[in-house]
PDB file of all heavy atoms in Angstrom:
ATOM      1  N   VAL A   1     105.259 115.215  97.602  1.00  0.00           N
ATOM      2  CA  VAL A   1     103.773 115.230  97.489  1.00  0.00           C
ATOM      3  C   VAL A   1     103.174 114.241  98.569  1.00  0.00           C
ATOM      4  O   VAL A   1     102.161 114.526  99.182  1.00  0.00           O
ATOM      5  CB  VAL A   1     103.341 114.798  96.049  1.00  0.00           C
ATOM      6  CG1 VAL A   1     101.825 114.626  95.985  1.00  0.00           C
ATOM      7  CG2 VAL A   1     103.777 115.800  95.069  1.00  0.00           C
ATOM      8  N   GLY A   2     103.831 113.061  98.702  1.00  0.00           N
ATOM      9  CA  GLY A   2     103.360 112.149  99.727  1.00  0.00           C
ATOM     10  C   GLY A   2     103.430 112.762 101.102  1.00  0.00           C
ATOM     11  O   GLY A   2     102.460 112.530 101.917  1.00  0.00           O
ATOM     12  N   LEU A   3     104.541 113.495 101.429  1.00  0.00           N
ATOM     13  CA  LEU A   3     104.594 114.103 102.697  1.00  0.00           C
ATOM     14  C   LEU A   3     103.601 115.243 102.897  1.00  0.00           C
ATOM     15  O   LEU A   3     103.017 115.389 103.961  1.00  0.00           O
ATOM     16  CB  LEU A   3     106.068 114.646 102.879  1.00  0.00           C
ATOM     17  CG  LEU A   3     106.404 115.228 104.252  1.00  0.00           C
ATOM     18  CD1 LEU A   3     106.100 114.189 105.375  1.00  0.00           C
ATOM     19  CD2 LEU A   3     107.859 115.554 104.243  1.00  0.00           C
ATOM     20  N   ALA A   4     103.318 115.959 101.784  1.00  0.00           N
ATOM     21  CA  ALA A   4     102.289 117.040 101.892  1.00  0.00           C
ATOM     22  C   ALA A   4     100.935 116.415 102.159  1.00  0.00           C
ATOM     23  O   ALA A   4     100.115 116.924 103.012  1.00  0.00           O
ATOM     24  CB  ALA A   4     102.210 117.778 100.588  1.00  0.00           C
ATOM     25  N   GLY A   5     100.660 115.244 101.624  1.00  0.00           N
ATOM     26  CA  GLY A   5      99.413 114.572 101.898  1.00  0.00           C
ATOM     27  C   GLY A   5      99.247 114.165 103.368  1.00  0.00           C
ATOM     28  O   GLY A   5      98.187 114.247 103.926  1.00  0.00           O
ATOM     29  N   ALA A   6     100.402 113.717 103.880  1.00  0.00           N
ATOM     30  CA  ALA A   6     100.418 113.365 105.369  1.00  0.00           C
ATOM     31  C   ALA A   6     100.165 114.539 106.212  1.00  0.00           C
ATOM     32  O   ALA A   6      99.562 114.481 107.300  1.00  0.00           O
ATOM     33  CB  ALA A   6     101.744 112.696 105.746  1.00  0.00           C
ATOM     34  N   LEU A   7     100.496 115.824 105.742  1.00  0.00           N
ATOM     35  CA  LEU A   7     100.377 117.007 106.534  1.00  0.00           C
ATOM     36  C   LEU A   7      98.969 117.627 106.418  1.00  0.00           C
ATOM     37  O   LEU A   7      98.652 118.510 107.211  1.00  0.00           O
ATOM     38  CB  LEU A   7     101.334 118.006 106.119  1.00  0.00           C
ATOM     39  CG  LEU A   7     102.860 117.752 106.554  1.00  0.00           C
ATOM     40  CD1 LEU A   7     103.769 118.675 105.861  1.00  0.00           C
ATOM     41  CD2 LEU A   7     102.986 117.836 107.990  1.00  0.00           C
ATOM     42  N   ILE A   8      98.189 117.203 105.391  1.00  0.00           N
ATOM     43  CA  ILE A   8      96.910 117.749 105.250  1.00  0.00           C
ATOM     44  C   ILE A   8      96.081 117.525 106.576  1.00  0.00           C
ATOM     45  O   ILE A   8      95.876 116.407 107.037  1.00  0.00           O
ATOM     46  CB  ILE A   8      96.114 117.103 104.071  1.00  0.00           C
ATOM     47  CG1 ILE A   8      96.828 117.495 102.748  1.00  0.00           C
ATOM     48  CG2 ILE A   8      94.603 117.486 104.067  1.00  0.00           C
ATOM     49  CD1 ILE A   8      96.704 119.014 102.472  1.00  0.00           C
ATOM     50  N   GLY A   9      95.426 118.616 107.071  1.00  0.00           N
ATOM     51  CA  GLY A   9      94.746 118.433 108.306  1.00  0.00           C
ATOM     52  C   GLY A   9      95.491 118.854 109.590  1.00  0.00           C
ATOM     53  O   GLY A   9      94.979 118.817 110.734  1.00  0.00           O
ATOM     54  N   ASN A  10      96.790 119.120 109.398  1.00  0.00           N
ATOM     55  CA  ASN A  10      97.757 119.429 110.507  1.00  0.00           C
ATOM     56  C   ASN A  10      97.647 118.337 111.648  1.00  0.00           C
ATOM     57  O   ASN A  10      97.448 118.623 112.816  1.00  0.00           O
ATOM     58  CB  ASN A  10      97.419 120.777 111.113  1.00  0.00           C
ATOM     59  CG  ASN A  10      97.934 121.900 110.214  1.00  0.00           C
ATOM     60  OD1 ASN A  10      98.830 121.723 109.440  1.00  0.00           O
ATOM     61  ND2 ASN A  10      97.162 123.027 110.328  1.00  0.00           N
ATOM     62  N   PRO A  11      97.832 117.100 111.291  1.00  0.00           N
ATOM     63  CA  PRO A  11      97.852 116.057 112.371  1.00  0.00           C
ATOM     64  C   PRO A  11      98.979 116.191 113.371  1.00  0.00           C
ATOM     65  O   PRO A  11     100.073 116.565 112.943  1.00  0.00           O
ATOM     66  CB  PRO A  11      97.917 114.646 111.602  1.00  0.00           C
ATOM     67  CG  PRO A  11      98.646 115.064 110.340  1.00  0.00           C
ATOM     68  CD  PRO A  11      98.242 116.504 110.012  1.00  0.00           C
ATOM     69  N   PRO A  12      98.713 115.935 114.614  1.00  0.00           N
ATOM     70  CA  PRO A  12      99.802 116.118 115.638  1.00  0.00           C
ATOM     71  C   PRO A  12     100.860 115.032 115.524  1.00  0.00           C
ATOM     72  O   PRO A  12     102.017 115.221 116.055  1.00  0.00           O
ATOM     73  CB  PRO A  12      99.095 116.024 116.940  1.00  0.00           C
ATOM     74  CG  PRO A  12      97.836 115.329 116.702  1.00  0.00           C
ATOM     75  CD  PRO A  12      97.398 115.688 115.272  1.00  0.00           C
ATOM     76  N   VAL A  13     100.584 113.914 114.868  1.00  0.00           N
ATOM     77  CA  VAL A  13     101.550 112.753 114.780  1.00  0.00           C
ATOM     78  C   VAL A  13     101.829 112.514 113.331  1.00  0.00           C
ATOM     79  O   VAL A  13     100.913 112.382 112.541  1.00  0.00           O
ATOM     80  CB  VAL A  13     100.925 111.496 115.475  1.00  0.00           C
ATOM     81  CG1 VAL A  13     101.873 110.301 115.320  1.00  0.00           C
ATOM     82  CG2 VAL A  13     100.628 111.725 116.971  1.00  0.00           C
ATOM     83  N   LEU A  14     103.113 112.408 113.028  1.00  0.00           N
ATOM     84  CA  LEU A  14     103.492 112.007 111.697  1.00  0.00           C
ATOM     85  C   LEU A  14     104.237 110.644 111.748  1.00  0.00           C
ATOM     86  O   LEU A  14     105.215 110.445 112.562  1.00  0.00           O
ATOM     87  CB  LEU A  14     104.440 113.085 111.095  1.00  0.00           C
ATOM     88  CG  LEU A  14     103.826 114.412 110.799  1.00  0.00           C
ATOM     89  CD1 LEU A  14     104.896 115.335 110.367  1.00  0.00           C
ATOM     90  CD2 LEU A  14     102.694 114.295 109.753  1.00  0.00           C
ATOM     91  N   ILE A  15     103.883 109.765 110.852  1.00  0.00           N
ATOM     92  CA  ILE A  15     104.421 108.423 110.775  1.00  0.00           C
ATOM     93  C   ILE A  15     105.110 108.268 109.447  1.00  0.00           C
ATOM     94  O   ILE A  15     104.353 108.399 108.408  1.00  0.00           O
ATOM     95  CB  ILE A  15     103.442 107.232 111.046  1.00  0.00           C
ATOM     96  CG1 ILE A  15     102.616 107.405 112.223  1.00  0.00           C
ATOM     97  CG2 ILE A  15     104.126 105.892 110.942  1.00  0.00           C
ATOM     98  CD1 ILE A  15     103.429 107.289 113.551  1.00  0.00           C
ATOM     99  N   LEU A  16     106.348 108.169 109.367  1.00  0.00           N
ATOM    100  CA  LEU A  16     107.100 108.185 108.131  1.00  0.00           C
ATOM    101  C   LEU A  16     107.952 106.840 107.921  1.00  0.00           C
ATOM    102  O   LEU A  16     108.811 106.584 108.849  1.00  0.00           O
ATOM    103  CB  LEU A  16     108.114 109.353 108.088  1.00  0.00           C
ATOM    104  CG  LEU A  16     107.619 110.706 108.501  1.00  0.00           C
ATOM    105  CD1 LEU A  16     108.623 111.770 108.474  1.00  0.00           C
ATOM    106  CD2 LEU A  16     106.378 111.097 107.565  1.00  0.00           C
ATOM    107  N   ASP A  17     107.660 106.070 106.990  1.00  0.00           N
ATOM    108  CA  ASP A  17     108.306 104.781 106.773  1.00  0.00           C
ATOM    109  C   ASP A  17     109.344 104.954 105.669  1.00  0.00           C
ATOM    110  O   ASP A  17     109.060 105.102 104.515  1.00  0.00           O
ATOM    111  CB  ASP A  17     107.191 103.701 106.348  1.00  0.00           C
ATOM    112  CG  ASP A  17     107.769 102.325 106.356  1.00  0.00           C
ATOM    113  OD1 ASP A  17     108.960 102.120 106.694  1.00  0.00           O
ATOM    114  OD2 ASP A  17     106.999 101.400 106.074  1.00  0.00           O
ATOM    115  N   GLU A  18     110.615 104.840 106.064  1.00  0.00           N
ATOM    116  CA  GLU A  18     111.767 104.973 105.103  1.00  0.00           C
ATOM    117  C   GLU A  18     111.540 106.252 104.265  1.00  0.00           C
ATOM    118  O   GLU A  18     111.520 106.068 103.025  1.00  0.00           O
ATOM    119  CB  GLU A  18     111.916 103.653 104.311  1.00  0.00           C
ATOM    120  CG  GLU A  18     112.066 102.449 105.072  1.00  0.00           C
ATOM    121  CD  GLU A  18     113.530 102.211 105.500  1.00  0.00           C
ATOM    122  OE1 GLU A  18     114.423 103.100 105.272  1.00  0.00           O
ATOM    123  OE2 GLU A  18     113.781 101.230 106.190  1.00  0.00           O
ATOM    124  N   PRO A  19     111.494 107.439 104.829  1.00  0.00           N
ATOM    125  CA  PRO A  19     111.119 108.591 104.056  1.00  0.00           C
ATOM    126  C   PRO A  19     112.086 109.050 102.968  1.00  0.00           C
ATOM    127  O   PRO A  19     111.757 109.839 102.070  1.00  0.00           O
ATOM    128  CB  PRO A  19     110.981 109.688 105.121  1.00  0.00           C
ATOM    129  CG  PRO A  19     111.814 109.245 106.235  1.00  0.00           C
ATOM    130  CD  PRO A  19     111.761 107.789 106.230  1.00  0.00           C
ATOM    131  N   THR A  20     113.339 108.612 103.015  1.00  0.00           N
ATOM    132  CA  THR A  20     114.305 109.062 102.023  1.00  0.00           C
ATOM    133  C   THR A  20     114.801 107.908 101.086  1.00  0.00           C
ATOM    134  O   THR A  20     115.708 108.186 100.314  1.00  0.00           O
ATOM    135  CB  THR A  20     115.520 109.633 102.703  1.00  0.00           C
ATOM    136  OG1 THR A  20     116.137 108.629 103.480  1.00  0.00           O
ATOM    137  CG2 THR A  20     115.169 110.787 103.579  1.00  0.00           C
ATOM    138  N   VAL A  21     114.157 106.810 101.145  1.00  0.00           N
ATOM    139  CA  VAL A  21     114.526 105.719 100.256  1.00  0.00           C
ATOM    140  C   VAL A  21     114.370 106.070  98.807  1.00  0.00           C
ATOM    141  O   VAL A  21     113.477 106.629  98.308  1.00  0.00           O
ATOM    142  CB  VAL A  21     113.699 104.435 100.559  1.00  0.00           C
ATOM    143  CG1 VAL A  21     112.231 104.598 100.148  1.00  0.00           C
ATOM    144  CG2 VAL A  21     114.254 103.142  99.842  1.00  0.00           C
ATOM    145  N   GLY A  22     115.443 105.785  98.017  1.00  0.00           N
ATOM    146  CA  GLY A  22     115.434 106.057  96.579  1.00  0.00           C
ATOM    147  C   GLY A  22     115.767 107.526  96.184  1.00  0.00           C
ATOM    148  O   GLY A  22     115.777 107.820  94.970  1.00  0.00           O
ATOM    149  N   LEU A  23     116.055 108.389  97.123  1.00  0.00           N
ATOM    150  CA  LEU A  23     116.287 109.798  96.850  1.00  0.00           C
ATOM    151  C   LEU A  23     117.761 109.953  96.607  1.00  0.00           C
ATOM    152  O   LEU A  23     118.686 109.255  97.126  1.00  0.00           O
ATOM    153  CB  LEU A  23     115.852 110.625  97.951  1.00  0.00           C
ATOM    154  CG  LEU A  23     114.355 110.624  98.367  1.00  0.00           C
ATOM    155  CD1 LEU A  23     114.062 111.683  99.416  1.00  0.00           C
ATOM    156  CD2 LEU A  23     113.477 110.853  97.169  1.00  0.00           C
ATOM    157  N   ASP A  24     118.181 111.038  95.812  1.00  0.00           N
ATOM    158  CA  ASP A  24     119.543 111.321  95.584  1.00  0.00           C
ATOM    159  C   ASP A  24     120.036 112.129  96.812  1.00  0.00           C
ATOM    160  O   ASP A  24     119.335 112.569  97.654  1.00  0.00           O
ATOM    161  CB  ASP A  24     119.826 112.058  94.209  1.00  0.00           C
ATOM    162  CG  ASP A  24     119.133 113.474  94.213  1.00  0.00           C
ATOM    163  OD1 ASP A  24     119.146 114.101  95.232  1.00  0.00           O
ATOM    164  OD2 ASP A  24     118.658 113.801  93.113  1.00  0.00           O
ATOM    165  N   PRO A  25     121.407 112.265  96.888  1.00  0.00           N
ATOM    166  CA  PRO A  25     121.945 112.956  98.065  1.00  0.00           C
ATOM    167  C   PRO A  25     121.391 114.334  98.349  1.00  0.00           C
ATOM    168  O   PRO A  25     121.087 114.651  99.563  1.00  0.00           O
ATOM    169  CB  PRO A  25     123.472 113.027  97.770  1.00  0.00           C
ATOM    170  CG  PRO A  25     123.646 111.808  96.882  1.00  0.00           C
ATOM    171  CD  PRO A  25     122.421 111.726  96.091  1.00  0.00           C
ATOM    172  N   LYS A  26     121.085 115.146  97.327  1.00  0.00           N
ATOM    173  CA  LYS A  26     120.567 116.521  97.576  1.00  0.00           C
ATOM    174  C   LYS A  26     119.152 116.404  98.154  1.00  0.00           C
ATOM    175  O   LYS A  26     118.776 117.055  99.022  1.00  0.00           O
ATOM    176  CB  LYS A  26     120.587 117.221  96.255  1.00  0.00           C
ATOM    177  CG  LYS A  26     120.103 118.684  96.366  1.00  0.00           C
ATOM    178  CD  LYS A  26     120.282 119.436  95.070  1.00  0.00           C
ATOM    179  CE  LYS A  26     119.795 120.859  95.152  1.00  0.00           C
ATOM    180  NZ  LYS A  26     118.392 120.974  95.349  1.00  0.00           N
ATOM    181  N   GLN A  27     118.386 115.443  97.535  1.00  0.00           N
ATOM    182  CA  GLN A  27     116.981 115.345  98.010  1.00  0.00           C
ATOM    183  C   GLN A  27     116.961 114.757  99.426  1.00  0.00           C
ATOM    184  O   GLN A  27     116.077 115.134 100.169  1.00  0.00           O
ATOM    185  CB  GLN A  27     116.293 114.333  97.046  1.00  0.00           C
ATOM    186  CG  GLN A  27     116.086 114.924  95.632  1.00  0.00           C
ATOM    187  CD  GLN A  27     115.658 113.812  94.635  1.00  0.00           C
ATOM    188  OE1 GLN A  27     115.754 112.651  94.924  1.00  0.00           O
ATOM    189  NE2 GLN A  27     115.031 114.269  93.579  1.00  0.00           N
ATOM    190  N   ILE A  28     117.929 113.873  99.837  1.00  0.00           N
ATOM    191  CA  ILE A  28     117.991 113.372 101.163  1.00  0.00           C
ATOM    192  C   ILE A  28     118.260 114.444 102.142  1.00  0.00           C
ATOM    193  O   ILE A  28     117.572 114.541 103.178  1.00  0.00           O
ATOM    194  CB  ILE A  28     119.098 112.245 101.257  1.00  0.00           C
ATOM    195  CG1 ILE A  28     118.570 111.005 100.512  1.00  0.00           C
ATOM    196  CG2 ILE A  28     119.320 111.887 102.684  1.00  0.00           C
ATOM    197  CD1 ILE A  28     119.721 109.923 100.437  1.00  0.00           C
ATOM    198  N   ILE A  29     119.168 115.340 101.894  1.00  0.00           N
ATOM    199  CA  ILE A  29     119.437 116.441 102.706  1.00  0.00           C
ATOM    200  C   ILE A  29     118.264 117.346 102.897  1.00  0.00           C
ATOM    201  O   ILE A  29     117.942 117.807 104.026  1.00  0.00           O
ATOM    202  CB  ILE A  29     120.686 117.257 102.153  1.00  0.00           C
ATOM    203  CG1 ILE A  29     121.977 116.391 102.239  1.00  0.00           C
ATOM    204  CG2 ILE A  29     120.894 118.552 102.927  1.00  0.00           C
ATOM    205  CD1 ILE A  29     123.230 116.949 101.572  1.00  0.00           C
TER     206      ILE A  29
END
């Protein structure tokens, strides 16, 4: 959901701070 929020408006630049922290292995992949 957080990543979807970042994509709203189709910005050309995406800044992701530790995007997989706290995720399980399947979610990380």
